[in-house]
Every structure is written in C-alpha cells, then in structure tokens.
Protein backbone atom coordinates (compact mmCIF):
# COMPACT_ATOMS: atom_id res chain seq x y z
CA MET A 1 52.48 5.27 -13.75
CA ALA A 2 49.15 6.46 -14.67
CA LYS A 3 47.02 8.20 -12.31
CA ASP A 4 43.64 6.43 -11.61
CA SER A 5 41.43 9.32 -12.60
CA SER A 6 38.13 7.25 -11.71
CA ASN A 7 39.05 7.81 -7.89
CA GLU A 8 39.07 11.89 -8.73
CA ILE A 9 36.35 13.53 -6.04
CA VAL A 10 34.17 15.06 -8.11
CA LEU A 11 31.58 16.42 -5.42
CA SER A 12 31.62 16.80 -1.79
CA TYR A 13 28.29 17.55 -0.44
CA TYR A 14 27.35 17.43 3.26
CA ASP A 15 28.16 13.90 4.60
CA CYS A 16 28.43 12.80 0.42
CA LEU A 17 31.96 12.26 -1.44
CA LEU A 18 31.28 11.62 -5.49
CA ARG A 19 34.04 10.37 -7.16
CA ALA A 20 34.49 10.32 -10.77
CA SER A 21 33.76 6.65 -10.73
CA ASP A 22 30.33 7.22 -9.10
CA VAL A 23 29.32 9.91 -11.68
CA GLU A 24 30.25 7.25 -14.62
CA LEU A 25 27.30 5.17 -13.51
CA LEU A 26 25.29 7.96 -14.68
CA GLN A 27 26.43 8.20 -17.93
CA GLY A 28 25.37 5.07 -19.35
CA SER A 29 23.20 1.67 -18.61
CA HIS A 30 24.72 1.34 -15.53
CA TRP A 31 23.46 -0.05 -11.94
CA LEU A 32 23.63 2.81 -9.47
CA ASN A 33 25.55 2.13 -6.35
CA ASP A 34 25.02 3.29 -2.77
CA VAL A 35 26.97 6.35 -3.25
CA ILE A 36 24.69 7.66 -6.10
CA ILE A 37 21.39 6.69 -4.26
CA GLY A 38 22.86 8.16 -0.86
CA PHE A 39 23.67 11.84 -2.57
CA TYR A 40 20.33 12.20 -3.78
CA PHE A 41 18.62 11.27 -0.32
CA GLU A 42 21.04 14.03 1.07
CA TYR A 43 19.76 16.35 -1.65
CA LEU A 44 16.43 15.51 -1.09
CA ASP A 45 16.66 16.20 2.79
CA GLU A 46 18.36 19.32 2.16
CA THR A 47 15.47 20.34 -0.24
CA PHE A 48 12.40 19.24 1.76
CA ASN A 49 13.54 19.72 5.27
CA LYS A 50 14.02 23.27 5.82
CA ASN A 51 13.54 25.71 8.61
CA GLU A 52 14.40 23.10 10.90
CA LYS A 53 11.06 21.51 10.17
CA ARG A 54 11.46 17.65 9.28
CA ASP A 55 8.51 16.35 6.96
CA PHE A 56 10.53 13.27 5.64
CA TYR A 57 13.50 11.47 7.36
CA PHE A 58 15.70 10.51 4.61
CA ILE A 59 17.75 7.05 5.34
CA SER A 60 21.09 6.84 3.63
CA PRO A 61 21.65 2.92 1.76
CA GLU A 62 24.31 2.45 4.22
CA LEU A 63 22.32 3.02 7.40
CA THR A 64 19.01 1.39 5.80
CA GLN A 65 21.63 -2.18 5.28
CA LEU A 66 23.05 -1.78 8.76
CA LEU A 67 19.55 -1.72 10.17
CA LYS A 68 18.21 -4.41 8.21
CA MET A 69 21.18 -6.68 9.59
CA THR A 70 20.86 -5.49 12.91
CA GLU A 71 17.92 -6.64 15.63
CA PRO A 72 15.38 -4.06 15.89
CA GLU A 73 15.38 -3.08 19.61
CA GLN A 74 18.86 -1.98 18.37
CA TYR A 75 17.24 0.85 15.87
CA ILE A 76 16.95 3.72 17.99
CA ILE A 77 20.82 3.62 18.59
CA PHE A 78 21.09 4.28 14.89
CA LEU A 79 17.96 6.20 14.10
CA ASP A 80 17.22 10.03 15.74
CA PRO A 81 14.09 10.12 17.78
CA PHE A 82 13.66 13.75 17.07
CA SER A 83 13.33 13.06 13.29
CA ILE A 84 11.41 10.00 14.16
CA SER A 85 9.07 12.23 16.15
CA GLU A 86 8.58 15.00 13.96
CA CYS A 87 8.72 13.29 10.44
CA LYS A 88 5.43 12.27 8.31
CA CYS A 89 7.58 9.64 6.56
CA ILE A 90 10.52 7.60 6.93
CA LEU A 91 12.07 6.65 3.36
CA PHE A 92 14.48 3.54 2.91
CA PRO A 93 16.46 2.71 -0.06
CA LEU A 94 16.27 -1.32 0.15
CA ASN A 95 18.62 -3.54 -1.09
CA ASN A 96 18.98 -7.25 -1.49
CA CYS A 97 22.41 -7.38 -0.15
CA ASP A 98 22.77 -9.80 2.81
CA ARG A 99 25.88 -8.12 4.41
CA LYS A 100 26.04 -5.37 7.03
CA ASP A 101 30.03 -4.69 6.54
CA ALA A 102 30.10 -4.02 3.06
CA ALA A 103 28.17 -2.23 -0.01
CA GLY A 104 26.78 -4.82 -2.49
CA GLY A 105 23.73 -6.53 -3.26
CA THR A 106 21.71 -7.09 -7.27
CA HIS A 107 18.37 -5.05 -6.56
CA TRP A 108 17.25 -1.59 -5.20
CA SER A 109 13.52 -0.86 -3.98
CA LEU A 110 11.81 1.77 -1.95
CA LEU A 111 10.17 1.01 1.58
CA ILE A 112 8.01 4.15 3.18
CA PHE A 113 6.88 4.06 6.64
CA CYS A 114 4.19 6.56 6.91
CA LYS A 115 3.11 7.43 10.45
CA GLY A 116 -0.41 8.69 10.12
CA ASN A 117 -1.53 5.50 8.82
CA LYS A 118 1.15 3.28 10.89
CA THR A 119 1.82 1.56 7.31
CA CYS A 120 4.81 0.80 5.28
CA TYR A 121 4.34 0.93 1.73
CA HIS A 122 6.90 -1.14 -0.67
CA PHE A 123 7.62 0.01 -3.98
CA ASP A 124 9.47 -2.80 -6.30
CA SER A 125 10.13 -2.19 -9.91
CA ALA A 126 11.00 -5.82 -10.23
CA LYS A 127 8.14 -7.24 -8.57
CA GLY A 128 8.74 -9.55 -6.01
CA TYR A 129 12.18 -9.42 -5.78
CA ASN A 130 12.99 -7.57 -2.67
CA GLY A 131 9.40 -8.74 -1.30
CA THR A 132 10.39 -11.11 1.55
CA ILE A 133 13.22 -8.67 2.51
CA ALA A 134 10.86 -5.87 2.70
CA SER A 135 8.06 -7.36 4.49
CA GLN A 136 10.60 -8.41 7.43
CA PHE A 137 12.46 -4.91 7.62
CA ALA A 138 8.87 -3.08 7.59
CA GLU A 139 8.02 -5.30 10.73
CA ASN A 140 11.14 -4.71 12.33
CA VAL A 141 10.81 -0.64 11.31
CA MET A 142 7.26 -0.77 12.97
CA SER A 143 8.20 -2.34 16.01
CA CYS A 144 10.78 0.23 16.50
CA VAL A 145 8.59 3.52 15.69
CA LEU A 146 5.21 2.33 17.02
CA ASP A 147 3.88 0.72 20.24
CA LYS A 148 5.05 -2.78 20.27
CA ASN A 149 1.54 -4.21 20.74
CA GLU A 150 0.41 -1.55 17.88
CA PRO A 151 -2.63 -3.58 16.40
CA ASN A 152 -3.37 -1.06 13.49
CA LYS A 153 0.08 -1.54 11.36
CA LYS A 154 0.16 -2.55 8.22
CA PHE A 155 2.36 -3.41 5.35
CA ILE A 156 1.34 -3.07 1.75
CA GLU A 157 3.02 -4.09 -1.58
CA VAL A 158 2.23 -1.42 -3.78
CA ASN A 159 1.40 -2.08 -7.75
CA SER A 160 4.80 -0.20 -8.80
CA PRO A 161 5.62 1.05 -12.10
CA GLN A 162 8.01 -2.07 -13.65
CA GLN A 163 11.75 -1.92 -15.02
CA ASP A 164 12.18 -2.51 -18.76
CA ASN A 165 15.78 -4.06 -18.05
CA GLY A 166 18.23 -4.93 -15.30
CA TYR A 167 19.53 -1.95 -14.20
CA ASP A 168 17.29 0.91 -13.49
CA CYS A 169 16.06 -0.08 -10.29
CA GLY A 170 18.21 2.30 -8.33
CA VAL A 171 16.38 5.08 -10.56
CA TYR A 172 13.16 3.76 -9.93
CA VAL A 173 13.77 4.40 -6.62
CA LEU A 174 14.94 7.75 -6.91
CA CYS A 175 12.18 8.84 -9.13
CA LEU A 176 9.46 7.27 -6.83
CA ALA A 177 10.78 9.38 -4.34
CA ASP A 178 10.35 12.38 -6.24
CA VAL A 179 6.68 11.66 -6.85
CA ILE A 180 5.90 10.33 -3.57
CA THR A 181 7.17 13.20 -1.22
CA ASN A 182 5.92 15.82 -3.94
CA HIS A 183 2.33 14.07 -3.30
CA ILE A 184 2.55 13.94 0.40
CA LEU A 185 3.43 17.34 0.93
CA LYS A 186 0.49 18.48 -1.30
CA ASN A 187 -2.11 15.66 0.47
CA GLU A 188 -0.74 15.12 3.66
CA ASN A 189 -0.77 11.29 2.86
CA MET A 190 -0.25 8.72 0.38
CA ASP A 191 -4.02 8.52 -0.80
CA GLY A 192 -4.20 9.06 -4.37
CA CYS A 193 -0.61 9.17 -5.46
CA ASN A 194 -0.39 8.66 -9.18
CA TYR A 195 2.95 6.98 -10.11
CA ASP A 196 2.05 7.32 -13.99
CA ARG A 197 5.00 9.82 -14.38
CA VAL A 198 7.71 7.58 -12.94
CA LYS A 199 8.43 5.66 -16.16
CA GLU A 200 8.67 9.30 -17.97
CA LEU A 201 10.84 10.53 -15.11
CA VAL A 202 13.00 7.35 -15.20
CA ARG A 203 14.09 8.34 -18.96
CA THR A 204 15.87 11.26 -17.77
CA LYS A 205 16.62 11.26 -14.45
CA ARG A 206 20.37 10.31 -14.92
CA THR A 207 20.80 13.60 -16.83
CA GLU A 208 18.74 15.36 -14.42
CA LEU A 209 21.33 14.03 -11.88
CA LEU A 210 24.62 14.85 -13.80
CA ASN A 211 23.15 18.47 -14.17
CA LEU A 212 22.54 18.55 -10.51
CA ILE A 213 26.00 17.26 -9.60
CA ASN A 214 27.22 20.13 -12.67
CA ASP A 215 25.25 22.69 -10.61
CA LEU A 216 26.64 21.99 -6.94
CA LYS A 217 29.76 21.78 -8.17
CA ARG A 218 29.53 25.55 -9.07
CA LYS A 219 28.34 26.78 -5.67
CA PRO A 220 30.53 28.16 -3.28
CA LEU A 221 31.08 25.32 -0.16
CA ALA A 222 30.03 27.83 2.30
CA ASN A 223 26.23 27.50 0.35
CA TYR A 224 25.91 23.43 2.12
C-alpha cells in the first residue's frame, strides 16, 4: 500500500504545522486553507512583535472562528489581556464558515480593530460577501475590548481591492495584512493607507510564501 505523501510534515514553525497538502495549495489556483493563513499570521507576529513589544495582535483563523461563534462576554477567556492592552491593532482573518468545531467556509476577508480611533475596518475582496458577518463580529469585538457604553466606536467597510477569480480571497487577506501593518508602523494609524499595490502583491504572493517556507526549512529549529 502506497504511503500518502500529502500528509508528510513540511515545516514545524512555532504553533503551526505545515503538511505537503497545505503547501500544494500555493502551487496552483487553489483556495487557501486555515493552516496556510495561520502560518503566515504566525510569521507576521514573529516579524513585527519583537523585543516583547506587541504593536499588532495577529489572531489565528481557528481562534477567529471560535470567537465568531462564541458569546462576546466570553471573548476575554480566549484573548490575551496583555496583548489587547499593548497593541495598536488586532487583525482577524474572517471566514464565512458557520461552525466552531470544524474548518471550512468558502470566503476569507480581513477585519482589523484599531484601538487608537476605536474603529473596526473590514476588507472584503468580494465586496459584500462577508459584510453582515463582519459587522456583527466587529460589534462583538468592540464590546469586549472597549467600554461597554463607548459611544464613538465605528465599523467601516473599506473600498478594498477586488479579486478577479473565485480562489484568491485568502491571498488578498495576507497581502492586505502586509500593506496595512507596514503603513501603521510608519504612520501610527490607518489614515492615508494606499491599497493600490495589493493586486500586484497578490500575483506574486504564492511564490513568495513557497520561498519563505523553503527558507524556514533550512533554519535550525533553535532559531524559532
């Protein structure tokens, strides 16, 4: 009986375990799964949050899904109070899956809560697809993070770059996260963030991720 090579471990990176079947999603016109998006958010966390200073709180797809299906008064059980108090922004990869006990869904979008102006920004590369889900989840997030009676909290549906196919939504989430985090690091807030480069980044992101995985494979385990 032939061994199933798709289950072979390609990379163990902090809390993420990439298998051959996950990496194969980067080698063609495939929808990205929770594992690939979670891996890249883990990488961004290690890249941006150095020296114990947490500017950004990158929430995994699994935890985002669990929170989405949980009562907001219980969010603090799953979120790190220190990270919430220290970070400038919280990033959530949002999926339209309606179960909290299994991965799935058909579409990814990005929700970002910026503490400075008490605002949740939603970026959907298929405009309107995740709008209702994002609006409700944003309200729950802000009710957890902000004072319950905070009058100035806002939800903004951003005019996000739009995908040209049915499978690149996850790639848009990762490229938007790149552009936005770099902008906030330089400017302290979302004002004036330019999304014109996102479509260009999407075209090369899968190859960039494959190269990143190969680079990390060559590093000693002690380095991460």
